[in-house]
């Protein structure tokens, strides 16, 4: 882009805006690279906010920018490679960031677009816990509205990058995007690998044209007076926040300030949509009662809407944010990388006793990255997802994110050295502290999953797979014992609490600077577990044991559902196989009788195929086996329990109707029968009970031809009714042949639709001709194929029609003989 350096910045910005309309994407990126290289920071400063918004879209979601979340390499390989190269951690855009960072420029970011908890705190003049916001809040300038943050170029860039995952949701409905292939997902992975390396140190930023290194941000005096976040909290587990500059004066902090900022931005923008304090209030019985009253008041139309209480407002706030499946997948990528980053800590630096003197800032960062940055916000985020995510297969994304966090040993360096074998290896004892210090992640969320599983249809292969995945993870050798040990430590009576009050409880939050003075190390395992539970659930929280009697009851209920789902899947599979075996070649051509409902025999699992049904059975079998291992359920106990609830196989392997009792009005569903219908375990066969000639026109029939053939059949039946009745009354072979074809023997054998349907006397229809089968598309296509094949053998239409009639008569004679021979055995 040939632009002289003497041109004013406003002209440069106007030229770039004009290029966005007139030039293709590749040419625009090429011009931007030359602008970044040729122009000084003073002129680039004016285009930086526009360029960031042009790439990532506007904060209100109206402008989509480069639409990185829909940009895929296999669909648009040229644009994909250009965008990835431009936004790479070592690419032109990041060089622009460092160029502006060297000049200490600041950019205004509106507080109104921050996550709800942070926005509420700042607007109430309460300083958030995260040091990311310390000393950055500024009063609105003259003519401006609302508070804003004064961010350095790196922070400003990362704020927009992280928030584009939340704000940009207006995808075209016709576009199917695989998240793991899109440019945004790949950029997140590159930024994590670059700024949170598992090997070596963080790559330093390139030097500017002046030859000086990029400085870390300097402390600033806050422009708005703030009170301390949570200053008046009465819990012993809450620390008073002491405000410190976001970056320490120690030069060693320059090594990791970008890593620290990147992680804080990702966690704040992606996970901090629900505050810990509000979550703890929601757990109290009083708050839950208030929420129940609020829901009842909304559903009632008899009274005017009452004034909204604080708990009602809290409830509305807690349900306002709805994460997407893509959002969850990106968070899972973050968690997996953080586990690998934390596990790359050198063995000699793992011990807390040596960290303060010998470890580098990056090693210190690895040691505390998960408990102090991620744990609290992730727990509340997962709790919200478990409670509000739809009961469908899309929950698999949340499930895998949760399971990834629970298994840090999968991302340990030694994991790559293990030989591949079929036997699961026991989890090493060195992971016991992680399990204990994340006890609620294992126990309370497992209980939440149990409650979800009890409300889903386990016949579905996707739902069965989720139950199998959770059971398999928790059945890993030594994991259940570690969880039990953690629960025992939490329930251990605290006999010396007065002597421990001087000690500081470590909460999962991060305060001040990473290099600030470290709090005392807690060596008592019981004290650590209690600190973890109380800090997340509050002092008044009621802990429910995972291996207690209440949860064991839920597990037994799930085992019953698994057995019933296996039974239902096997019944549907057997029924499907029988239907396929009973379809003869002539019936497929349309010359046989339709089924009693006038439709083709299918069931809900036919669309999935027999392989999926087998997978469902395998998933449920293994899930039941794993649950027995986790909770030590004996086979005898489980078999007796399943027999008591009626989960034994159906008679003759057939599908049974829902459980009913006989009353004066006929069969009535029992509570068990209603449960079976709601969960898809059993159902009534829905069939058309009227005259088959008058049933609604089906989608596989030609409507005009159905009406025409009905008129023709009706005319024939009126004209020859007497003759057909006389023929059918004969006792010889001719009478049997006429009865087989002119009398609907299935009309009187219809099963009842509903247990509460009134008793109706079956209407008897005399002998009649039905030509409706000729209106079926299947029949018409079959006849055309036969005529086409016959024509290739030089057989004319009349001759072919005669051969078809002869073949049909032979088939009719054979069926009549078979029917006559079977008739004596039926009496």
Foldseek 3Di string as FASTA:
>chain_A
DDDDQPDALVVVLVVLVVCVPVPDPLVSLVVVLVCLVPYALVSVVVCLVVVLCLCLNDLQQPGRHPVQQQAFCVVPVVNLVSVCQCLFCQHSNVLSLLRQLQVVAWDWAALVSFADVCSVCVVVQAHDFDLLQPQFWADDDVPDDHITGTHRSLLVSLLSLQSSLVNNDPDPPVRDGDRCRTSSLVRLLRVLCQQLPLDDFHDADDAYPVRDGRDDDDFHDHNGHHDYVCQPPPDLLDDTFDADGAADPPPLSSRRPSVVSNLLSNCRNLQVNADLVLVLVCQDPVLVVLCVVQVVLVPDPPDDRDDQDPSVVSVCSLPVDDDDLSSLLSLLSVLLSLLLSLLSQDPVCQDPVPPLPPDGLSNLCSNQVPLARPQQRVVSRLVSCLVDPDLDLSCVSSLVSLLSNVCSVCNHPCVVVDDDDDDFDADDPVCLLVCLLNLCSLAVVVLSVLVSLLQAQLLQLSSLLSLLVNLVSCLRHPNLVSSVVSVCLQPPDDPPVVVCSVAHQDHSHDGHYSSPDDGDDDDRSSSSNNSSCCNNNNPPRDDDRCLDPVVVVSLLSSLLSLLLSLLQLQQQLVVVVVLVVPCDPVVLLLPDDDPQQNDRDHDPCVVVPPVSSVSSNVSSVSSSVSSCSSNVPDPVNSVVSNVVVPSDHDVVSHADAFDWDQDPQFTDHDPRSVVCVSNVSHHFDDGDQDDPLPDDDDPQFDVVVSVVQSVVQVVVCVVCVPVLQVQCPDPDLSNLLSCVQFADPCNQVDDDGDRNDGDDDRDGDGGTHHPNSCRGPSNVVSVVVQCVVCVVVVHHPVRSVVVVVVVVVVVSSVVSVVCVVCVVVVD
